[in-house]
Structure formats: structure tokens, C-alpha cells
Amino acid sequence: MEAKAVLRHIHITPRKARLVVDMVRGKGASDALTILQFAPQHAARAVEKLLKSAVSNAFQKEMGDVDELKVSQAFVDVGRVAKRVNPAPRGRSMMIRKRTSHITLVVSNGG
């Protein structure tokens, strides 16, 4: 059985969020929470809350003990990009892209 949690339109670039998600993919849920608590990245706070939500969803589905849960799938997709224009020298303009991410975590039983 699987339990899933999705976080959409978070204001973290996908490239930076993937670094954090790669650290917890395939780990046990309790190990992944420990890793995220001590990770210095800003995205680690969001992924930690998302993992707690996925574990809570698994608890609601009565999938068993929390110690048996494992992060089976974890991926980051590109979200909406907000575009802003800044003035540049000689009458030009520069585009600033404020990127967002969609983070998905799936936890499953160890077996």
C-alpha cells in the first residue's frame, strides 16, 4: 500500500529542491526525517513537513507501524514561473524568472 503527499507551487527552484529530495529517496521514514531536520538547505523544511504529511496519510490508511514505512518515490516537477522585468543599462530590460516547484513524496510499506 502507498500513501502520497503533494506540495504545489512552492517558491523554491526545482534544482535546489531536487538536491534535498535526492537525500531522502529510498530511505526509511524515520531516517529521512532525521536527515531533513539537520539539513541546512531551505528546501529541507518544506520537504520535512511534506514527509510528515505523507506519514500522517499512511497512518490514516492504517498501513502499519511508522517504523516500517519507506520513501518509495520522491520527485520534483517544475511549477509555474513568474516573470518580472528589471531595467538594464542602455535602455534594455532583463527578465527575472521566479521559479516554483511541485514536490511529490510517496511512502509505502517496507514489504
PDB file of N, CA and C in Angstrom:
ATOM      1  N   MET A   1       0.828  -1.186   0.000  1.00  0.00           N
ATOM      2  CA  MET A   1       0.000   0.000   0.000  1.00  0.00           C
ATOM      3  C   MET A   1       0.865   1.239   0.000  1.00  0.00           C
ATOM      4  N   GLU A   2       0.317   2.311  -0.523  1.00  0.00           N
ATOM      5  CA  GLU A   2       1.066   3.565  -0.616  1.00  0.00           C
ATOM      6  C   GLU A   2       0.243   4.721  -0.072  1.00  0.00           C
ATOM      7  N   ALA A   3       0.951   5.696   0.442  1.00  0.00           N
ATOM      8  CA  ALA A   3       0.336   6.960   0.844  1.00  0.00           C
ATOM      9  C   ALA A   3       1.144   8.075   0.207  1.00  0.00           C
ATOM     10  N   LYS A   4       0.456   9.098  -0.271  1.00  0.00           N
ATOM     11  CA  LYS A   4       1.097  10.121  -1.076  1.00  0.00           C
ATOM     12  C   LYS A   4       0.796  11.502  -0.512  1.00  0.00           C
ATOM     13  N   ALA A   5       1.753  12.415  -0.664  1.00  0.00           N
ATOM     14  CA  ALA A   5       1.552  13.819  -0.303  1.00  0.00           C
ATOM     15  C   ALA A   5       2.197  14.670  -1.387  1.00  0.00           C
ATOM     16  N   VAL A   6       1.505  15.738  -1.793  1.00  0.00           N
ATOM     17  CA  VAL A   6       1.974  16.609  -2.868  1.00  0.00           C
ATOM     18  C   VAL A   6       1.955  18.043  -2.376  1.00  0.00           C
ATOM     19  N   LEU A   7       3.024  18.766  -2.657  1.00  0.00           N
ATOM     20  CA  LEU A   7       3.117  20.190  -2.334  1.00  0.00           C
ATOM     21  C   LEU A   7       3.298  20.938  -3.645  1.00  0.00           C
ATOM     22  N   ARG A   8       2.368  21.812  -3.959  1.00  0.00           N
ATOM     23  CA  ARG A   8       2.393  22.501  -5.247  1.00  0.00           C
ATOM     24  C   ARG A   8       2.690  23.987  -5.076  1.00  0.00           C
ATOM     25  N   HIS A   9       3.311  24.544  -6.100  1.00  0.00           N
ATOM     26  CA  HIS A   9       3.585  25.985  -6.217  1.00  0.00           C
ATOM     27  C   HIS A   9       4.406  26.524  -5.050  1.00  0.00           C
ATOM     28  N   ILE A  10       5.403  25.767  -4.597  1.00  0.00           N
ATOM     29  CA  ILE A  10       6.263  26.260  -3.527  1.00  0.00           C
ATOM     30  C   ILE A  10       7.378  27.094  -4.160  1.00  0.00           C
ATOM     31  N   HIS A  11       7.709  28.198  -3.543  1.00  0.00           N
ATOM     32  CA  HIS A  11       8.669  29.149  -4.106  1.00  0.00           C
ATOM     33  C   HIS A  11      10.108  28.736  -3.811  1.00  0.00           C
ATOM     34  N   ILE A  12      10.478  27.574  -4.336  1.00  0.00           N
ATOM     35  CA  ILE A  12      11.838  27.066  -4.288  1.00  0.00           C
ATOM     36  C   ILE A  12      12.148  26.564  -5.692  1.00  0.00           C
ATOM     37  N   THR A  13      13.314  26.866  -6.194  1.00  0.00           N
ATOM     38  CA  THR A  13      13.642  26.408  -7.543  1.00  0.00           C
ATOM     39  C   THR A  13      13.748  24.886  -7.566  1.00  0.00           C
ATOM     40  N   PRO A  14      13.315  24.261  -8.646  1.00  0.00           N
ATOM     41  CA  PRO A  14      13.349  22.799  -8.715  1.00  0.00           C
ATOM     42  C   PRO A  14      14.758  22.225  -8.573  1.00  0.00           C
ATOM     43  N   ARG A  15      15.741  22.925  -9.074  1.00  0.00           N
ATOM     44  CA  ARG A  15      17.122  22.429  -8.991  1.00  0.00           C
ATOM     45  C   ARG A  15      17.588  22.316  -7.544  1.00  0.00           C
ATOM     46  N   LYS A  16      17.237  23.287  -6.717  1.00  0.00           N
ATOM     47  CA  LYS A  16      17.622  23.268  -5.308  1.00  0.00           C
ATOM     48  C   LYS A  16      16.788  22.265  -4.523  1.00  0.00           C
ATOM     49  N   ALA A  17      15.522  22.116  -4.893  1.00  0.00           N
ATOM     50  CA  ALA A  17      14.654  21.171  -4.193  1.00  0.00           C
ATOM     51  C   ALA A  17      15.061  19.728  -4.498  1.00  0.00           C
ATOM     52  N   ARG A  18      15.541  19.475  -5.708  1.00  0.00           N
ATOM     53  CA  ARG A  18      15.948  18.112  -6.075  1.00  0.00           C
ATOM     54  C   ARG A  18      17.140  17.644  -5.253  1.00  0.00           C
ATOM     55  N   LEU A  19      18.026  18.562  -4.871  1.00  0.00           N
ATOM     56  CA  LEU A  19      19.168  18.191  -4.036  1.00  0.00           C
ATOM     57  C   LEU A  19      18.702  17.608  -2.708  1.00  0.00           C
ATOM     58  N   VAL A  20      17.656  18.200  -2.143  1.00  0.00           N
ATOM     59  CA  VAL A  20      17.134  17.739  -0.858  1.00  0.00           C
ATOM     60  C   VAL A  20      16.350  16.444  -1.025  1.00  0.00           C
ATOM     61  N   VAL A  21      15.534  16.366  -2.056  1.00  0.00           N
ATOM     62  CA  VAL A  21      14.698  15.186  -2.279  1.00  0.00           C
ATOM     63  C   VAL A  21      15.564  13.955  -2.565  1.00  0.00           C
ATOM     64  N   ASP A  22      16.693  14.160  -3.247  1.00  0.00           N
ATOM     65  CA  ASP A  22      17.591  13.038  -3.544  1.00  0.00           C
ATOM     66  C   ASP A  22      18.195  12.438  -2.275  1.00  0.00           C
ATOM     67  N   MET A  23      18.315  13.246  -1.214  1.00  0.00           N
ATOM     68  CA  MET A  23      18.886  12.746   0.037  1.00  0.00           C
ATOM     69  C   MET A  23      17.973  11.745   0.733  1.00  0.00           C
ATOM     70  N   VAL A  24      16.651  11.870   0.548  1.00  0.00           N
ATOM     71  CA  VAL A  24      15.712  11.032   1.298  1.00  0.00           C
ATOM     72  C   VAL A  24      15.084   9.912   0.476  1.00  0.00           C
ATOM     73  N   ARG A  25      15.283   9.917  -0.827  1.00  0.00           N
ATOM     74  CA  ARG A  25      14.664   8.889  -1.671  1.00  0.00           C
ATOM     75  C   ARG A  25      15.219   7.511  -1.310  1.00  0.00           C
ATOM     76  N   GLY A  26      14.327   6.557  -1.048  1.00  0.00           N
ATOM     77  CA  GLY A  26      14.721   5.196  -0.725  1.00  0.00           C
ATOM     78  C   GLY A  26      15.025   4.948   0.743  1.00  0.00           C
ATOM     79  N   LYS A  27      15.016   5.956   1.576  1.00  0.00           N
ATOM     80  CA  LYS A  27      15.321   5.810   2.998  1.00  0.00           C
ATOM     81  C   LYS A  27      14.046   5.469   3.768  1.00  0.00           C
ATOM     82  N   GLY A  28      14.213   5.000   4.982  1.00  0.00           N
ATOM     83  CA  GLY A  28      13.078   4.804   5.870  1.00  0.00           C
ATOM     84  C   GLY A  28      12.521   6.152   6.298  1.00  0.00           C
ATOM     85  N   ALA A  29      11.269   6.190   6.678  1.00  0.00           N
ATOM     86  CA  ALA A  29      10.627   7.463   7.007  1.00  0.00           C
ATOM     87  C   ALA A  29      11.281   8.125   8.214  1.00  0.00           C
ATOM     88  N   SER A  30      11.621   7.367   9.237  1.00  0.00           N
ATOM     89  CA  SER A  30      12.237   7.970  10.425  1.00  0.00           C
ATOM     90  C   SER A  30      13.656   8.448  10.122  1.00  0.00           C
ATOM     91  N   ASP A  31      14.404   7.694   9.313  1.00  0.00           N
ATOM     92  CA  ASP A  31      15.746   8.131   8.912  1.00  0.00           C
ATOM     93  C   ASP A  31      15.673   9.396   8.067  1.00  0.00           C
ATOM     94  N   ALA A  32      14.700   9.447   7.163  1.00  0.00           N
ATOM     95  CA  ALA A  32      14.550  10.612   6.298  1.00  0.00           C
ATOM     96  C   ALA A  32      14.204  11.862   7.112  1.00  0.00           C
ATOM     97  N   LEU A  33      13.347  11.706   8.125  1.00  0.00           N
ATOM     98  CA  LEU A  33      13.016  12.859   8.978  1.00  0.00           C
ATOM     99  C   LEU A  33      14.246  13.364   9.723  1.00  0.00           C
ATOM    100  N   THR A  34      15.074  12.452  10.192  1.00  0.00           N
ATOM    101  CA  THR A  34      16.301  12.855  10.884  1.00  0.00           C
ATOM    102  C   THR A  34      17.244  13.591   9.943  1.00  0.00           C
ATOM    103  N   ILE A  35      17.375  13.098   8.727  1.00  0.00           N
ATOM    104  CA  ILE A  35      18.239  13.753   7.743  1.00  0.00           C
ATOM    105  C   ILE A  35      17.737  15.161   7.443  1.00  0.00           C
ATOM    106  N   LEU A  36      16.422  15.298   7.275  1.00  0.00           N
ATOM    107  CA  LEU A  36      15.859  16.601   6.925  1.00  0.00           C
ATOM    108  C   LEU A  36      15.942  17.600   8.073  1.00  0.00           C
ATOM    109  N   GLN A  37      15.852  17.129   9.300  1.00  0.00           N
ATOM    110  CA  GLN A  37      15.932  18.041  10.441  1.00  0.00           C
ATOM    111  C   GLN A  37      17.294  18.706  10.537  1.00  0.00           C
ATOM    112  N   PHE A  38      18.347  18.005  10.121  1.00  0.00           N
ATOM    113  CA  PHE A  38      19.692  18.539  10.247  1.00  0.00           C
ATOM    114  C   PHE A  38      20.273  19.057   8.935  1.00  0.00           C
ATOM    115  N   ALA A  39      19.499  19.019   7.869  1.00  0.00           N
ATOM    116  CA  ALA A  39      19.975  19.538   6.584  1.00  0.00           C
ATOM    117  C   ALA A  39      19.912  21.068   6.602  1.00  0.00           C
ATOM    118  N   PRO A  40      20.949  21.744   6.111  1.00  0.00           N
ATOM    119  CA  PRO A  40      20.972  23.203   6.171  1.00  0.00           C
ATOM    120  C   PRO A  40      20.165  23.896   5.074  1.00  0.00           C
ATOM    121  N   GLN A  41      19.715  23.172   4.078  1.00  0.00           N
ATOM    122  CA  GLN A  41      19.029  23.795   2.951  1.00  0.00           C
ATOM    123  C   GLN A  41      17.641  24.313   3.352  1.00  0.00           C
ATOM    124  N   HIS A  42      17.234  25.387   2.684  1.00  0.00           N
ATOM    125  CA  HIS A  42      15.918  25.976   2.930  1.00  0.00           C
ATOM    126  C   HIS A  42      14.800  25.016   2.510  1.00  0.00           C
ATOM    127  N   ALA A  43      15.022  24.272   1.453  1.00  0.00           N
ATOM    128  CA  ALA A  43      14.005  23.333   0.957  1.00  0.00           C
ATOM    129  C   ALA A  43      13.774  22.174   1.913  1.00  0.00           C
ATOM    130  N   ALA A  44      14.718  21.919   2.810  1.00  0.00           N
ATOM    131  CA  ALA A  44      14.578  20.797   3.738  1.00  0.00           C
ATOM    132  C   ALA A  44      13.396  20.991   4.673  1.00  0.00           C
ATOM    133  N   ARG A  45      13.096  22.219   5.054  1.00  0.00           N
ATOM    134  CA  ARG A  45      11.937  22.479   5.935  1.00  0.00           C
ATOM    135  C   ARG A  45      10.636  22.088   5.235  1.00  0.00           C
ATOM    136  N   ALA A  46      10.501  22.455   3.973  1.00  0.00           N
ATOM    137  CA  ALA A  46       9.278  22.135   3.231  1.00  0.00           C
ATOM    138  C   ALA A  46       9.144  20.635   2.999  1.00  0.00           C
ATOM    139  N   VAL A  47      10.240  19.972   2.659  1.00  0.00           N
ATOM    140  CA  VAL A  47      10.196  18.529   2.409  1.00  0.00           C
ATOM    141  C   VAL A  47       9.922  17.785   3.710  1.00  0.00           C
ATOM    142  N   GLU A  48      10.432  18.303   4.817  1.00  0.00           N
ATOM    143  CA  GLU A  48      10.173  17.682   6.124  1.00  0.00           C
ATOM    144  C   GLU A  48       8.683  17.725   6.463  1.00  0.00           C
ATOM    145  N   LYS A  49       8.063  18.881   6.268  1.00  0.00           N
ATOM    146  CA  LYS A  49       6.626  18.988   6.527  1.00  0.00           C
ATOM    147  C   LYS A  49       5.827  18.082   5.587  1.00  0.00           C
ATOM    148  N   LEU A  50       6.279  17.979   4.348  1.00  0.00           N
ATOM    149  CA  LEU A  50       5.595  17.130   3.372  1.00  0.00           C
ATOM    150  C   LEU A  50       5.720  15.653   3.742  1.00  0.00           C
ATOM    151  N   LEU A  51       6.895  15.256   4.229  1.00  0.00           N
ATOM    152  CA  LEU A  51       7.089  13.868   4.654  1.00  0.00           C
ATOM    153  C   LEU A  51       6.225  13.541   5.869  1.00  0.00           C
ATOM    154  N   LYS A  52       6.106  14.481   6.803  1.00  0.00           N
ATOM    155  CA  LYS A  52       5.225  14.271   7.953  1.00  0.00           C
ATOM    156  C   LYS A  52       3.778  14.125   7.501  1.00  0.00           C
ATOM    157  N   SER A  53       3.402  14.872   6.489  1.00  0.00           N
ATOM    158  CA  SER A  53       2.046  14.766   5.950  1.00  0.00           C
ATOM    159  C   SER A  53       1.825  13.405   5.287  1.00  0.00           C
ATOM    160  N   ALA A  54       2.812  12.923   4.556  1.00  0.00           N
ATOM    161  CA  ALA A  54       2.684  11.610   3.913  1.00  0.00           C
ATOM    162  C   ALA A  54       2.604  10.494   4.954  1.00  0.00           C
ATOM    163  N   VAL A  55       3.390  10.614   6.041  1.00  0.00           N
ATOM    164  CA  VAL A  55       3.331   9.621   7.116  1.00  0.00           C
ATOM    165  C   VAL A  55       1.969   9.670   7.795  1.00  0.00           C
ATOM    166  N   SER A  56       1.437  10.872   7.982  1.00  0.00           N
ATOM    167  CA  SER A  56       0.107  11.020   8.571  1.00  0.00           C
ATOM    168  C   SER A  56      -0.967  10.399   7.670  1.00  0.00           C
ATOM    169  N   ASN A  57      -0.814  10.584   6.357  1.00  0.00           N
ATOM    170  CA  ASN A  57      -1.752   9.958   5.422  1.00  0.00           C
ATOM    171  C   ASN A  57      -1.681   8.434   5.507  1.00  0.00           C
ATOM    172  N   ALA A  58      -0.478   7.917   5.682  1.00  0.00           N
ATOM    173  CA  ALA A  58      -0.309   6.470   5.826  1.00  0.00           C
ATOM    174  C   ALA A  58      -0.949   5.978   7.123  1.00  0.00           C
ATOM    175  N   PHE A  59      -0.834   6.779   8.170  1.00  0.00           N
ATOM    176  CA  PHE A  59      -1.458   6.426   9.443  1.00  0.00           C
ATOM    177  C   PHE A  59      -2.983   6.396   9.300  1.00  0.00           C
ATOM    178  N   GLN A  60      -3.535   7.342   8.552  1.00  0.00           N
ATOM    179  CA  GLN A  60      -4.981   7.376   8.310  1.00  0.00           C
ATOM    180  C   GLN A  60      -5.441   6.150   7.521  1.00  0.00           C
ATOM    181  N   LYS A  61      -4.596   5.676   6.620  1.00  0.00           N
ATOM    182  CA  LYS A  61      -4.933   4.499   5.825  1.00  0.00           C
ATOM    183  C   LYS A  61      -4.657   3.198   6.566  1.00  0.00           C
ATOM    184  N   GLU A  62      -4.148   3.298   7.800  1.00  0.00           N
ATOM    185  CA  GLU A  62      -3.830   2.143   8.637  1.00  0.00           C
ATOM    186  C   GLU A  62      -2.889   1.192   7.914  1.00  0.00           C
ATOM    187  N   MET A  63      -1.757   1.745   7.463  1.00  0.00           N
ATOM    188  CA  MET A  63      -0.782   0.956   6.722  1.00  0.00           C
ATOM    189  C   MET A  63       0.217   0.249   7.625  1.00  0.00           C
ATOM    190  N   GLY A  64       0.105   0.421   8.934  1.00  0.00           N
ATOM    191  CA  GLY A  64       1.014  -0.263   9.840  1.00  0.00           C
ATOM    192  C   GLY A  64       1.861   0.715  10.628  1.00  0.00           C
ATOM    193  N   ASP A  65       2.948   0.200  11.180  1.00  0.00           N
ATOM    194  CA  ASP A  65       3.824   0.985  12.038  1.00  0.00           C
ATOM    195  C   ASP A  65       4.619   2.000  11.212  1.00  0.00           C
ATOM    196  N   VAL A  66       4.884   3.150  11.826  1.00  0.00           N
ATOM    197  CA  VAL A  66       5.614   4.216  11.150  1.00  0.00           C
ATOM    198  C   VAL A  66       7.051   3.784  10.868  1.00  0.00           C
ATOM    199  N   ASP A  67       7.617   2.934  11.727  1.00  0.00           N
ATOM    200  CA  ASP A  67       8.996   2.488  11.533  1.00  0.00           C
ATOM    201  C   ASP A  67       9.154   1.604  10.304  1.00  0.00           C
ATOM    202  N   GLU A  68       8.074   1.017   9.821  1.00  0.00           N
ATOM    203  CA  GLU A  68       8.138   0.163   8.641  1.00  0.00           C
ATOM    204  C   GLU A  68       7.992   0.940   7.341  1.00  0.00           C
ATOM    205  N   LEU A  69       7.615   2.210   7.407  1.00  0.00           N
ATOM    206  CA  LEU A  69       7.387   2.997   6.196  1.00  0.00           C
ATOM    207  C   LEU A  69       8.710   3.394   5.554  1.00  0.00           C
ATOM    208  N   LYS A  70       8.669   3.484   4.236  1.00  0.00           N
ATOM    209  CA  LYS A  70       9.856   3.820   3.455  1.00  0.00           C
ATOM    210  C   LYS A  70       9.451   4.817   2.374  1.00  0.00           C
ATOM    211  N   VAL A  71      10.331   5.760   2.058  1.00  0.00           N
ATOM    212  CA  VAL A  71      10.072   6.725   0.985  1.00  0.00           C
ATOM    213  C   VAL A  71      10.331   6.001  -0.334  1.00  0.00           C
ATOM    214  N   SER A  72       9.268   5.540  -0.969  1.00  0.00           N
ATOM    215  CA  SER A  72       9.435   4.740  -2.178  1.00  0.00           C
ATOM    216  C   SER A  72       9.629   5.611  -3.417  1.00  0.00           C
ATOM    217  N   GLN A  73       8.932   6.738  -3.483  1.00  0.00           N
ATOM    218  CA  GLN A  73       9.085   7.650  -4.611  1.00  0.00           C
ATOM    219  C   GLN A  73       9.185   9.066  -4.079  1.00  0.00           C
ATOM    220  N   ALA A  74      10.061   9.843  -4.682  1.00  0.00           N
ATOM    221  CA  ALA A  74      10.196  11.252  -4.331  1.00  0.00           C
ATOM    222  C   ALA A  74      10.705  11.979  -5.562  1.00  0.00           C
ATOM    223  N   PHE A  75       9.945  12.956  -6.022  1.00  0.00           N
ATOM    224  CA  PHE A  75      10.394  13.690  -7.202  1.00  0.00           C
ATOM    225  C   PHE A  75       9.901  15.128  -7.158  1.00  0.00           C
ATOM    226  N   VAL A  76      10.567  15.963  -7.942  1.00  0.00           N
ATOM    227  CA  VAL A  76      10.267  17.395  -8.009  1.00  0.00           C
ATOM    228  C   VAL A  76       9.982  17.734  -9.461  1.00  0.00           C
ATOM    229  N   ASP A  77       8.845  18.359  -9.706  1.00  0.00           N
ATOM    230  CA  ASP A  77       8.488  18.825 -11.041  1.00  0.00           C
ATOM    231  C   ASP A  77       8.546  20.344 -11.084  1.00  0.00           C
ATOM    232  N   VAL A  78       8.676  20.863 -12.279  1.00  0.00           N
ATOM    233  CA  VAL A  78       8.727  22.309 -12.466  1.00  0.00           C
ATOM    234  C   VAL A  78       7.317  22.874 -12.366  1.00  0.00           C
ATOM    235  N   GLY A  79       7.172  23.930 -11.591  1.00  0.00           N
ATOM    236  CA  GLY A  79       5.883  24.587 -11.452  1.00  0.00           C
ATOM    237  C   GLY A  79       5.800  25.823 -12.330  1.00  0.00           C
ATOM    238  N   ARG A  80       4.870  26.665 -12.003  1.00  0.00           N
ATOM    239  CA  ARG A  80       4.664  27.904 -12.735  1.00  0.00           C
ATOM    240  C   ARG A  80       5.863  28.823 -12.542  1.00  0.00           C
ATOM    241  N   VAL A  81       6.218  29.598 -13.568  1.00  0.00           N
ATOM    242  CA  VAL A  81       7.335  30.538 -13.495  1.00  0.00           C
ATOM    243  C   VAL A  81       6.767  31.951 -13.597  1.00  0.00           C
ATOM    244  N   ALA A  82       6.971  32.742 -12.550  1.00  0.00           N
ATOM    245  CA  ALA A  82       6.553  34.143 -12.577  1.00  0.00           C
ATOM    246  C   ALA A  82       7.671  34.957 -13.203  1.00  0.00           C
ATOM    247  N   LYS A  83       7.332  35.814 -14.150  1.00  0.00           N
ATOM    248  CA  LYS A  83       8.357  36.585 -14.848  1.00  0.00           C
ATOM    249  C   LYS A  83       8.249  38.052 -14.469  1.00  0.00           C
ATOM    250  N   ARG A  84       9.394  38.628 -14.148  1.00  0.00           N
ATOM    251  CA  ARG A  84       9.482  40.037 -13.790  1.00  0.00           C
ATOM    252  C   ARG A  84      10.519  40.697 -14.684  1.00  0.00           C
ATOM    253  N   VAL A  85      10.365  41.984 -14.918  1.00  0.00           N
ATOM    254  CA  VAL A  85      11.287  42.707 -15.775  1.00  0.00           C
ATOM    255  C   VAL A  85      12.009  43.758 -14.943  1.00  0.00           C
ATOM    256  N   ASN A  86      13.332  43.755 -15.050  1.00  0.00           N
ATOM    257  CA  ASN A  86      14.161  44.753 -14.384  1.00  0.00           C
ATOM    258  C   ASN A  86      14.834  45.619 -15.435  1.00  0.00           C
ATOM    259  N   PRO A  87      15.007  46.901 -15.164  1.00  0.00           N
ATOM    260  CA  PRO A  87      15.732  47.736 -16.122  1.00  0.00           C
ATOM    261  C   PRO A  87      17.213  47.369 -16.159  1.00  0.00           C
ATOM    262  N   ALA A  88      17.799  47.491 -17.340  1.00  0.00           N
ATOM    263  CA  ALA A  88      19.215  47.195 -17.539  1.00  0.00           C
ATOM    264  C   ALA A  88      19.868  48.409 -18.205  1.00  0.00           C
ATOM    265  N   PRO A  89      21.179  48.435 -18.290  1.00  0.00           N
ATOM    266  CA  PRO A  89      21.855  49.581 -18.897  1.00  0.00           C
ATOM    267  C   PRO A  89      21.471  49.798 -20.358  1.00  0.00           C
ATOM    268  N   ARG A  90      21.603  51.020 -20.810  1.00  0.00           N
ATOM    269  CA  ARG A  90      21.394  51.430 -22.203  1.00  0.00           C
ATOM    270  C   ARG A  90      19.972  51.166 -22.675  1.00  0.00           C
ATOM    271  N   GLY A  91      18.988  51.337 -21.770  1.00  0.00           N
ATOM    272  CA  GLY A  91      17.584  51.244 -22.148  1.00  0.00           C
ATOM    273  C   GLY A  91      17.071  49.837 -22.356  1.00  0.00           C
ATOM    274  N   ARG A  92      17.819  48.865 -21.968  1.00  0.00           N
ATOM    275  CA  ARG A  92      17.387  47.487 -22.147  1.00  0.00           C
ATOM    276  C   ARG A  92      16.636  47.007 -20.914  1.00  0.00           C
ATOM    277  N   SER A  93      16.139  45.781 -20.999  1.00  0.00           N
ATOM    278  CA  SER A  93      15.481  45.179 -19.843  1.00  0.00           C
ATOM    279  C   SER A  93      15.985  43.752 -19.675  1.00  0.00           C
ATOM    280  N   MET A  94      15.965  43.300 -18.440  1.00  0.00           N
ATOM    281  CA  MET A  94      16.389  41.931 -18.140  1.00  0.00           C
ATOM    282  C   MET A  94      15.231  41.185 -17.500  1.00  0.00           C
ATOM    283  N   MET A  95      15.023  39.962 -17.937  1.00  0.00           N
ATOM    284  CA  MET A  95      13.941  39.142 -17.414  1.00  0.00           C
ATOM    285  C   MET A  95      14.423  38.407 -16.162  1.00  0.00           C
ATOM    286  N   ILE A  96      13.633  38.471 -15.107  1.00  0.00           N
ATOM    287  CA  ILE A  96      13.892  37.704 -13.892  1.00  0.00           C
ATOM    288  C   ILE A  96      12.817  36.633 -13.803  1.00  0.00           C
ATOM    289  N   ARG A  97      13.244  35.383 -13.642  1.00  0.00           N
ATOM    290  CA  ARG A  97      12.309  34.264 -13.563  1.00  0.00           C
ATOM    291  C   ARG A  97      12.247  33.772 -12.125  1.00  0.00           C
ATOM    292  N   LYS A  98      11.085  33.859 -11.519  1.00  0.00           N
ATOM    293  CA  LYS A  98      10.877  33.365 -10.157  1.00  0.00           C
ATOM    294  C   LYS A  98      10.226  31.988 -10.280  1.00  0.00           C
ATOM    295  N   ARG A  99      11.038  30.965 -10.089  1.00  0.00           N
ATOM    296  CA  ARG A  99      10.601  29.597 -10.356  1.00  0.00           C
ATOM    297  C   ARG A  99       9.883  28.991  -9.149  1.00  0.00           C
ATOM    298  N   THR A 100       8.969  28.079  -9.434  1.00  0.00           N
ATOM    299  CA  THR A 100       8.266  27.344  -8.384  1.00  0.00           C
ATOM    300  C   THR A 100       8.392  25.841  -8.658  1.00  0.00           C
ATOM    301  N   SER A 101       8.051  25.042  -7.653  1.00  0.00           N
ATOM    302  CA  SER A 101       8.193  23.590  -7.750  1.00  0.00           C
ATOM    303  C   SER A 101       6.925  22.891  -7.294  1.00  0.00           C
ATOM    304  N   HIS A 102       6.759  21.672  -7.791  1.00  0.00           N
ATOM    305  CA  HIS A 102       5.760  20.735  -7.287  1.00  0.00           C
ATOM    306  C   HIS A 102       6.544  19.543  -6.733  1.00  0.00           C
ATOM    307  N   ILE A 103       6.427  19.300  -5.424  1.00  0.00           N
ATOM    308  CA  ILE A 103       7.166  18.215  -4.786  1.00  0.00           C
ATOM    309  C   ILE A 103       6.185  17.102  -4.437  1.00  0.00           C
ATOM    310  N   THR A 104       6.525  15.870  -4.776  1.00  0.00           N
ATOM    311  CA  THR A 104       5.684  14.709  -4.505  1.00  0.00           C
ATOM    312  C   THR A 104       6.488  13.668  -3.730  1.00  0.00           C
ATOM    313  N   LEU A 105       5.918  13.172  -2.631  1.00  0.00           N
ATOM    314  CA  LEU A 105       6.521  12.094  -1.846  1.00  0.00           C
ATOM    315  C   LEU A 105       5.515  10.959  -1.713  1.00  0.00           C
ATOM    316  N   VAL A 106       5.981   9.747  -1.916  1.00  0.00           N
ATOM    317  CA  VAL A 106       5.152   8.558  -1.757  1.00  0.00           C
ATOM    318  C   VAL A 106       5.842   7.645  -0.762  1.00  0.00           C
ATOM    319  N   VAL A 107       5.117   7.283   0.294  1.00  0.00           N
ATOM    320  CA  VAL A 107       5.656   6.341   1.275  1.00  0.00           C
ATOM    321  C   VAL A 107       4.885   5.026   1.147  1.00  0.00           C
ATOM    322  N   SER A 108       5.610   3.931   1.358  1.00  0.00           N
ATOM    323  CA  SER A 108       4.972   2.615   1.246  1.00  0.00           C
ATOM    324  C   SER A 108       5.494   1.712   2.354  1.00  0.00           C
ATOM    325  N   ASN A 109       4.837   0.571   2.507  1.00  0.00           N
ATOM    326  CA  ASN A 109       5.287  -0.416   3.482  1.00  0.00           C
ATOM    327  C   ASN A 109       6.635  -0.962   3.054  1.00  0.00           C
ATOM    328  N   GLY A 110       7.396  -1.436   4.023  1.00  0.00           N
ATOM    329  CA  GLY A 110       8.714  -1.985   3.718  1.00  0.00           C
ATOM    330  C   GLY A 110       8.662  -3.211   2.827  1.00  0.00           C
ATOM    331  N   GLY A 111       7.597  -3.951   2.857  1.00  0.00           N
ATOM    332  CA  GLY A 111       7.491  -5.202   2.108  1.00  0.00           C
ATOM    333  C   GLY A 111       6.937  -5.081   0.785  1.00  0.00           C
TER     334      GLY A 111
END
